[in-house]
N, C-alpha and C. Protein backbone atom coordinates (compact mmCIF):
# COMPACT_ATOMS: atom_id res chain seq x y z
N MET A 1 70.58 50.08 108.25
CA MET A 1 71.05 48.66 108.07
C MET A 1 71.08 48.06 109.33
N ASN A 2 70.26 47.29 108.14
CA ASN A 2 69.31 45.12 109.43
C ASN A 2 71.17 44.23 109.85
N ILE A 3 71.26 44.44 110.63
CA ILE A 3 72.84 43.94 111.33
C ILE A 3 72.54 42.76 112.90
N THR A 4 72.68 41.68 111.90
CA THR A 4 72.55 40.44 113.38
C THR A 4 74.14 40.13 114.18
N ILE A 5 73.85 40.37 115.28
CA ILE A 5 75.11 40.25 116.52
C ILE A 5 74.46 38.93 117.57
N GLN A 6 75.50 38.45 117.52
CA GLN A 6 75.55 36.95 118.61
C GLN A 6 76.07 37.70 119.29
N VAL A 7 74.92 38.18 120.62
CA VAL A 7 75.77 38.87 122.16
C VAL A 7 75.80 37.77 123.18
N ASN A 8 76.47 37.02 124.18
CA ASN A 8 76.24 36.42 125.13
C ASN A 8 75.43 35.40 124.62
N GLY A 9 75.75 34.82 123.41
CA GLY A 9 74.60 33.38 122.66
C GLY A 9 73.89 33.97 122.66
N LYS A 10 73.29 34.98 122.51
CA LYS A 10 71.88 35.26 122.24
C LYS A 10 72.12 36.38 120.79
N GLU A 11 71.10 35.72 120.03
CA GLU A 11 71.25 37.02 118.53
C GLU A 11 69.77 37.93 118.88
N HIS A 12 71.41 39.14 118.38
CA HIS A 12 70.35 40.56 118.36
C HIS A 12 70.33 40.83 117.12
N THR A 13 68.76 41.13 116.61
CA THR A 13 69.05 41.96 115.29
C THR A 13 68.25 43.07 115.29
N HIS A 14 68.97 44.27 114.82
CA HIS A 14 68.66 45.62 114.25
C HIS A 14 68.76 45.84 114.00
N ASP A 15 67.95 47.30 112.90
CA ASP A 15 68.32 48.28 112.52
C ASP A 15 68.91 49.59 112.56
N VAL A 16 70.30 49.34 112.49
CA VAL A 16 71.39 50.21 112.48
C VAL A 16 71.50 51.76 111.69
N GLU A 17 72.09 53.40 111.99
CA GLU A 17 72.91 53.18 111.27
C GLU A 17 73.65 53.00 111.09
N PRO A 18 74.97 53.26 109.37
CA PRO A 18 76.40 53.04 109.95
C PRO A 18 77.44 53.00 110.33
N ARG A 19 77.00 54.56 111.23
CA ARG A 19 77.71 54.72 112.13
C ARG A 19 77.40 54.39 113.67
N MET A 20 76.24 53.71 113.89
CA MET A 20 76.60 53.29 115.00
C MET A 20 78.14 52.26 115.83
N LEU A 21 77.61 53.32 116.95
CA LEU A 21 79.07 52.40 117.75
C LEU A 21 78.27 51.03 118.24
N LEU A 22 79.72 50.02 118.96
CA LEU A 22 79.25 48.57 118.82
C LEU A 22 79.12 49.19 120.48
N VAL A 23 79.73 49.97 121.26
CA VAL A 23 79.18 50.19 122.63
C VAL A 23 78.00 50.43 122.36
N ASP A 24 77.38 51.56 121.97
CA ASP A 24 75.69 51.80 121.94
C ASP A 24 74.79 50.85 120.94
N PHE A 25 74.73 49.98 120.56
CA PHE A 25 74.52 49.15 120.44
C PHE A 25 74.34 48.10 121.44
N LEU A 26 75.32 47.61 122.22
CA LEU A 26 75.17 47.08 123.25
C LEU A 26 73.99 47.68 124.32
N ARG A 27 74.83 49.13 124.24
CA ARG A 27 73.90 49.36 125.79
C ARG A 27 72.06 49.75 125.39
N ASP A 28 72.12 50.93 124.10
CA ASP A 28 71.07 50.92 123.76
C ASP A 28 69.86 50.09 123.75
N LEU A 29 70.25 49.38 122.36
CA LEU A 29 69.36 47.99 121.39
C LEU A 29 69.30 46.90 122.52
N CYS A 30 70.46 46.73 123.12
CA CYS A 30 70.79 45.18 123.84
C CYS A 30 70.62 45.16 125.39
N GLY A 31 69.84 46.36 125.76
CA GLY A 31 70.16 46.37 127.37
C GLY A 31 71.37 46.21 128.13
N LEU A 32 72.23 45.62 127.50
CA LEU A 32 73.29 45.03 128.65
C LEU A 32 74.64 46.82 128.98
N THR A 33 74.57 47.02 130.10
CA THR A 33 74.85 48.56 131.02
C THR A 33 76.22 48.42 131.00
N GLY A 34 76.35 47.23 131.37
CA GLY A 34 77.82 46.35 132.10
C GLY A 34 79.00 47.39 131.28
N THR A 35 78.90 47.18 129.99
CA THR A 35 80.45 47.88 129.39
C THR A 35 80.11 49.71 129.00
N HIS A 36 80.42 49.92 130.03
CA HIS A 36 80.70 51.55 130.05
C HIS A 36 81.58 52.14 128.85
N MET A 37 80.87 53.30 129.23
CA MET A 37 81.40 54.28 128.04
C MET A 37 81.98 55.46 128.60
N GLY A 38 83.32 55.58 128.60
CA GLY A 38 83.91 56.60 129.65
C GLY A 38 85.19 57.72 128.32
N CYS A 39 85.76 57.64 127.28
CA CYS A 39 86.15 58.00 126.62
C CYS A 39 85.77 59.09 125.47
N ASP A 40 85.84 57.71 124.62
CA ASP A 40 84.84 57.84 123.50
C ASP A 40 86.13 57.53 122.48
N THR A 41 87.58 57.38 123.39
CA THR A 41 88.60 57.45 121.91
C THR A 41 89.42 56.27 122.39
N SER A 42 89.13 55.12 122.94
CA SER A 42 89.67 53.27 123.00
C SER A 42 90.65 54.24 123.85
N GLN A 43 91.13 55.41 124.89
CA GLN A 43 92.59 55.39 126.07
C GLN A 43 91.64 54.59 127.07
N CYS A 44 90.44 54.96 127.23
CA CYS A 44 90.38 54.55 128.76
C CYS A 44 90.28 53.32 128.90
N GLY A 45 89.49 52.31 127.97
CA GLY A 45 89.44 50.57 128.05
C GLY A 45 87.68 50.52 129.01
N CYS A 46 87.44 50.91 129.13
CA CYS A 46 86.14 50.46 130.05
C CYS A 46 85.06 50.15 129.14
N CYS A 47 85.40 49.83 127.82
CA CYS A 47 84.10 49.79 126.80
C CYS A 47 84.63 48.30 126.56
N THR A 48 85.73 47.71 126.85
CA THR A 48 86.20 46.45 126.08
C THR A 48 84.79 45.22 126.20
N VAL A 49 85.33 44.17 125.66
CA VAL A 49 84.46 43.63 125.15
C VAL A 49 85.18 42.93 124.36
N LEU A 50 85.05 41.69 124.53
CA LEU A 50 85.17 40.50 123.43
C LEU A 50 84.21 40.08 122.24
N LEU A 51 85.06 40.47 120.98
CA LEU A 51 84.81 40.08 119.53
C LEU A 51 85.42 39.07 119.47
N ASN A 52 84.66 38.25 119.08
CA ASN A 52 84.77 36.72 118.55
C ASN A 52 86.33 35.81 119.01
N ASN A 53 85.95 36.29 120.13
CA ASN A 53 87.44 35.89 121.86
C ASN A 53 88.91 37.12 121.53
N ASN A 54 88.56 38.43 121.06
CA ASN A 54 89.70 38.96 120.76
C ASN A 54 88.82 40.46 121.74
N ALA A 55 89.76 41.67 122.52
CA ALA A 55 89.06 42.20 123.46
C ALA A 55 89.70 43.37 122.42
N VAL A 56 88.17 44.27 121.79
CA VAL A 56 88.49 45.17 121.15
C VAL A 56 87.76 46.08 122.30
N LYS A 57 88.03 47.58 121.98
CA LYS A 57 86.82 48.70 122.30
C LYS A 57 86.09 49.25 121.59
N SER A 58 85.02 48.74 122.75
CA SER A 58 83.53 48.78 121.65
C SER A 58 83.27 50.26 121.19
N CYS A 59 83.78 51.29 121.85
CA CYS A 59 83.43 52.32 121.81
C CYS A 59 83.92 53.48 119.90
N THR A 60 84.96 52.27 119.59
CA THR A 60 85.56 52.82 118.32
C THR A 60 85.55 52.23 117.10
N HIS A 61 84.38 50.59 117.74
CA HIS A 61 84.10 50.08 117.07
C HIS A 61 82.64 49.79 116.29
N LEU A 62 82.65 50.16 115.23
CA LEU A 62 81.54 50.05 114.39
C LEU A 62 80.45 48.56 114.46
N ALA A 63 79.29 49.30 115.26
CA ALA A 63 78.03 47.96 115.34
C ALA A 63 77.83 47.00 113.87
N VAL A 64 78.36 47.97 112.54
CA VAL A 64 78.37 46.94 111.82
C VAL A 64 79.23 46.18 111.25
N GLN A 65 80.65 46.88 112.04
CA GLN A 65 81.76 45.49 111.97
C GLN A 65 81.65 44.27 112.35
N ALA A 66 80.36 44.17 113.79
CA ALA A 66 80.53 43.07 114.45
C ALA A 66 79.16 42.45 113.99
N ASN A 67 78.60 42.43 112.89
CA ASN A 67 77.82 42.61 111.88
C ASN A 67 78.51 40.50 111.96
N GLY A 68 76.95 39.69 112.24
CA GLY A 68 77.56 37.72 111.84
C GLY A 68 78.45 38.10 113.16
N HIS A 69 78.88 38.42 113.76
CA HIS A 69 79.66 38.39 114.76
C HIS A 69 80.13 37.96 116.42
N GLU A 70 80.50 37.59 116.73
CA GLU A 70 79.81 36.92 118.59
C GLU A 70 80.26 38.17 118.96
N VAL A 71 79.93 38.69 120.22
CA VAL A 71 80.11 39.61 121.39
C VAL A 71 79.83 38.74 122.89
N LEU A 72 81.40 39.22 123.54
CA LEU A 72 81.10 38.50 124.62
C LEU A 72 81.03 40.20 126.02
N THR A 73 80.32 40.70 126.35
CA THR A 73 80.21 41.96 127.39
C THR A 73 80.26 40.79 129.12
N ILE A 74 80.30 41.70 129.59
CA ILE A 74 81.13 41.44 131.36
C ILE A 74 79.49 40.24 131.47
N GLU A 75 78.65 40.69 131.25
CA GLU A 75 77.41 39.89 131.62
C GLU A 75 77.53 38.65 130.90
N GLY A 76 77.53 38.23 129.85
CA GLY A 76 77.48 36.99 129.43
C GLY A 76 78.96 35.79 130.05
N LEU A 77 80.00 37.12 130.62
CA LEU A 77 80.77 36.67 130.79
C LEU A 77 80.38 35.26 132.30
N GLY A 78 79.32 36.04 132.76
CA GLY A 78 79.27 35.39 134.74
C GLY A 78 78.37 35.33 134.28
N ALA A 79 77.74 34.42 133.58
CA ALA A 79 75.97 34.39 132.55
C ALA A 79 75.90 32.92 133.89
N LYS A 80 77.26 31.88 133.88
CA LYS A 80 76.76 31.35 134.57
C LYS A 80 77.80 30.19 135.59
N GLY A 81 77.68 32.09 136.49
CA GLY A 81 78.26 31.36 137.26
C GLY A 81 79.80 32.46 137.08
N LEU A 82 79.88 32.92 138.38
CA LEU A 82 81.26 34.08 138.30
C LEU A 82 82.59 33.41 137.32
N HIS A 83 83.08 33.85 136.79
CA HIS A 83 84.42 33.47 136.11
C HIS A 83 85.63 33.76 137.11
N ALA A 84 86.81 33.08 136.77
CA ALA A 84 87.99 33.15 137.89
C ALA A 84 88.18 34.38 138.38
N VAL A 85 88.39 35.25 136.77
CA VAL A 85 88.58 36.50 136.60
C VAL A 85 87.61 36.91 137.86
N GLN A 86 86.65 37.00 137.77
CA GLN A 86 85.72 37.89 138.29
C GLN A 86 86.24 37.72 139.66
N LYS A 87 85.75 36.44 140.90
CA LYS A 87 85.76 36.07 141.79
C LYS A 87 87.51 36.23 141.91
N ALA A 88 88.41 36.48 141.31
CA ALA A 88 89.73 36.97 141.65
C ALA A 88 90.09 38.75 141.99
N PHE A 89 88.80 39.70 140.65
CA PHE A 89 88.38 41.01 141.79
C PHE A 89 87.96 40.93 142.08
N THR A 90 87.61 39.88 143.40
CA THR A 90 87.01 40.14 144.17
C THR A 90 87.43 39.68 145.46
N GLN A 91 88.15 38.70 145.32
CA GLN A 91 89.00 38.49 145.56
C GLN A 91 89.83 40.11 146.52
N CYS A 92 90.92 40.36 145.62
CA CYS A 92 91.79 41.16 146.01
C CYS A 92 91.89 42.63 145.64
N HIS A 93 90.62 42.38 146.00
CA HIS A 93 89.99 43.76 146.05
C HIS A 93 90.46 44.91 144.99
N ALA A 94 90.36 44.28 143.92
CA ALA A 94 90.88 44.81 142.65
C ALA A 94 89.07 46.03 142.37
N LEU A 95 88.22 46.01 142.75
CA LEU A 95 87.26 46.92 142.21
C LEU A 95 87.78 47.94 143.28
N GLN A 96 87.00 49.33 142.66
CA GLN A 96 86.98 50.66 143.68
C GLN A 96 86.03 51.52 143.22
N CYS A 97 86.02 52.25 142.24
CA CYS A 97 84.41 52.69 142.23
C CYS A 97 83.73 51.79 141.12
N GLY A 98 84.60 50.73 140.41
CA GLY A 98 83.70 49.53 139.48
C GLY A 98 83.73 50.63 138.27
N PHE A 99 84.00 51.61 137.89
CA PHE A 99 83.71 51.69 136.29
C PHE A 99 84.36 51.24 135.25
N CYS A 100 86.24 51.22 135.43
CA CYS A 100 86.91 50.65 134.48
C CYS A 100 86.84 48.66 134.83
N THR A 101 86.18 48.48 135.81
CA THR A 101 85.77 47.36 136.47
C THR A 101 85.61 45.88 135.08
N SER A 102 84.90 45.81 134.45
CA SER A 102 84.27 45.27 132.94
C SER A 102 85.16 45.20 132.08
N GLY A 103 85.66 46.79 131.33
CA GLY A 103 86.79 46.55 130.78
C GLY A 103 88.04 46.01 131.19
N MET A 104 88.45 46.42 132.59
CA MET A 104 89.80 45.42 133.04
C MET A 104 89.05 43.97 132.77
N ILE A 105 87.97 43.51 133.23
CA ILE A 105 87.89 41.94 133.98
C ILE A 105 88.41 41.39 132.06
N MET A 106 87.30 42.09 131.27
CA MET A 106 87.60 41.56 129.82
C MET A 106 89.04 41.99 129.51
N SER A 107 89.29 42.15 129.68
CA SER A 107 91.17 42.88 128.96
C SER A 107 91.67 42.10 129.64
N SER A 108 91.28 41.24 130.64
CA SER A 108 91.93 40.37 131.70
C SER A 108 92.16 39.07 131.03
N VAL A 109 90.45 38.79 130.84
CA VAL A 109 90.07 36.77 130.22
C VAL A 109 91.01 36.94 128.83
N ASP A 110 91.14 37.72 128.26
CA ASP A 110 91.82 37.80 127.22
C ASP A 110 93.35 37.84 126.70
N LEU A 111 93.64 38.30 127.58
CA LEU A 111 95.45 38.53 128.04
C LEU A 111 95.22 36.71 128.58
N LEU A 112 94.58 36.86 129.53
CA LEU A 112 94.92 35.32 130.20
C LEU A 112 94.16 33.90 128.40
N ALA A 113 94.15 33.79 128.23
CA ALA A 113 93.46 32.86 127.25
C ALA A 113 94.76 33.00 125.81
N LYS A 114 95.22 34.37 126.06
CA LYS A 114 96.79 34.12 125.41
C LYS A 114 97.96 33.96 126.02
N ASN A 115 97.59 34.12 127.53
CA ASN A 115 99.15 33.76 128.02
C ASN A 115 98.58 33.20 128.97
N PRO A 116 98.43 31.75 129.47
CA PRO A 116 98.16 31.62 130.96
C PRO A 116 98.84 31.98 131.88
N ASN A 117 100.43 32.59 131.78
CA ASN A 117 100.73 32.34 132.52
C ASN A 117 101.67 33.88 132.87
N PRO A 118 100.89 35.14 132.15
CA PRO A 118 101.45 35.83 132.21
C PRO A 118 102.74 36.12 133.77
N THR A 119 103.93 36.92 132.96
CA THR A 119 104.49 37.48 134.43
C THR A 119 103.91 39.28 134.52
N ASP A 120 104.15 39.74 136.32
CA ASP A 120 103.13 41.33 135.87
C ASP A 120 104.30 42.52 134.62
N ALA A 121 105.02 41.99 133.96
CA ALA A 121 105.19 42.82 133.14
C ALA A 121 104.56 42.29 132.30
N GLN A 122 103.68 41.39 132.21
CA GLN A 122 103.31 40.90 130.76
C GLN A 122 101.76 41.46 131.09
N ILE A 123 101.10 41.23 132.29
CA ILE A 123 100.20 41.92 132.56
C ILE A 123 99.85 42.86 132.85
N ALA A 124 100.85 44.18 133.05
CA ALA A 124 100.91 46.01 132.75
C ALA A 124 101.06 45.54 131.33
N GLU A 125 102.04 44.74 130.63
CA GLU A 125 101.39 45.66 129.58
C GLU A 125 100.01 44.72 128.65
N GLY A 126 99.92 43.94 129.09
CA GLY A 126 98.42 42.85 128.01
C GLY A 126 96.52 44.73 128.95
N LEU A 127 96.78 45.02 130.05
CA LEU A 127 95.84 46.10 130.39
C LEU A 127 96.47 47.31 130.29
N SER A 128 97.83 47.65 129.53
CA SER A 128 97.97 48.76 129.52
C SER A 128 96.76 50.02 128.44
N GLY A 129 96.65 49.63 127.91
CA GLY A 129 94.86 49.89 127.36
C GLY A 129 93.82 50.70 128.42
N ASN A 130 93.80 49.94 129.43
CA ASN A 130 93.09 50.66 130.07
C ASN A 130 93.48 51.34 131.42
N ILE A 131 92.33 52.39 132.26
CA ILE A 131 92.71 53.48 133.02
C ILE A 131 91.62 52.40 134.74
N CYS A 132 92.53 53.20 134.76
CA CYS A 132 91.79 53.15 136.67
C CYS A 132 91.94 53.86 136.92
N ARG A 133 91.00 55.44 137.34
CA ARG A 133 91.31 56.01 138.09
C ARG A 133 90.92 56.14 139.31
N CYS A 134 90.86 55.47 139.75
CA CYS A 134 91.54 55.05 141.80
C CYS A 134 92.62 54.43 141.35
N THR A 135 93.67 54.53 140.70
CA THR A 135 94.96 53.63 141.22
C THR A 135 94.98 52.31 141.79
N GLY A 136 93.80 51.74 141.44
CA GLY A 136 93.86 50.08 141.93
C GLY A 136 94.72 49.37 141.07
N TYR A 137 95.87 49.58 140.78
CA TYR A 137 96.81 48.65 139.58
C TYR A 137 96.98 47.61 139.97
N LEU A 138 97.59 47.82 141.30
CA LEU A 138 98.99 46.48 142.18
C LEU A 138 97.50 45.46 142.39
N ASN A 139 95.83 45.73 143.24
CA ASN A 139 95.46 44.86 143.40
C ASN A 139 94.97 43.57 142.18
N ILE A 140 94.87 44.88 140.87
CA ILE A 140 94.38 44.40 139.84
C ILE A 140 95.25 43.59 139.54
N VAL A 141 96.74 43.90 139.33
CA VAL A 141 97.92 42.97 139.08
C VAL A 141 97.20 41.42 139.65
N GLN A 142 97.31 41.81 140.68
CA GLN A 142 97.43 40.44 141.95
C GLN A 142 96.59 40.25 141.27
N ALA A 143 95.27 40.36 141.25
CA ALA A 143 93.98 39.44 140.98
C ALA A 143 94.10 38.43 139.69
N VAL A 144 94.76 39.49 138.81
CA VAL A 144 95.24 38.82 137.69
C VAL A 144 95.89 37.74 137.94
N ARG A 145 96.46 37.63 138.60
CA ARG A 145 97.83 36.71 139.32
C ARG A 145 97.08 34.74 139.43
N VAL A 146 96.31 35.87 140.14
CA VAL A 146 95.45 35.18 141.47
C VAL A 146 94.78 34.56 140.19
N ALA A 147 93.24 34.94 139.61
CA ALA A 147 92.90 34.17 138.10
C ALA A 147 93.24 32.92 137.47
N ALA A 148 95.09 33.64 137.20
CA ALA A 148 95.76 32.69 136.29
C ALA A 148 96.43 31.64 137.63
N ASP A 149 96.18 31.44 137.99
CA ASP A 149 96.57 30.15 139.29
C ASP A 149 95.33 29.34 139.23
N ALA A 150 94.17 29.77 139.77
CA ALA A 150 93.04 29.75 139.52
C ALA A 150 92.80 28.75 138.32
N ILE A 151 92.96 29.64 137.09
CA ILE A 151 92.75 29.22 136.17
C ILE A 151 93.43 27.89 135.44
N ASN A 152 94.89 27.68 135.89
CA ASN A 152 95.34 26.97 134.84
C ASN A 152 95.58 25.51 136.34
N SER A 153 94.88 25.99 137.50
CA SER A 153 95.05 24.43 138.44
C SER A 153 93.51 23.38 138.20
N GLY A 154 93.11 24.71 137.91
CA GLY A 154 91.24 23.75 137.76
C GLY A 154 90.38 24.06 138.98
N ALA A 155 91.22 24.77 139.29
CA ALA A 155 90.07 25.18 141.15
C ALA A 155 89.17 26.24 141.31
N ALA A 156 88.44 26.69 141.88
CA ALA A 156 88.03 28.24 141.87
C ALA A 156 88.71 29.10 142.78
N VAL A 157 88.45 30.12 142.38
CA VAL A 157 89.20 31.12 142.85
C VAL A 157 88.64 31.66 144.64
């Protein structure tokens, strides 16, 4: 099938097998390796991207399902300078091994777009589909709080 997906503001048109996963489309055909492949079952969340401004697990989402839609990856998020969430993850030492980081950041961006003032419990719930193997959860929650404050105040982190 010939599909076109708007990825990080740029059209990508490719012939794909109907069974191709969105994560493979992004990594193999678009060359965007910031979206990681971890579990192949959507349990770890490291493959999270924004599809039409909603967080999705790209390892269980078919590329053909994204045909004609917009996808934002971690590379696109920081294309015009670091996003407040990316800055907060750095500032709060929420980066450990880095494997989960892109998915955690994309899920956090989605969470803050839908709930700009989340409680710690809401942050934990919003990130519940993401696993940090290094157990950096305290710093990740702190980073989301710092990013929320920065976004709400209009200030840079």
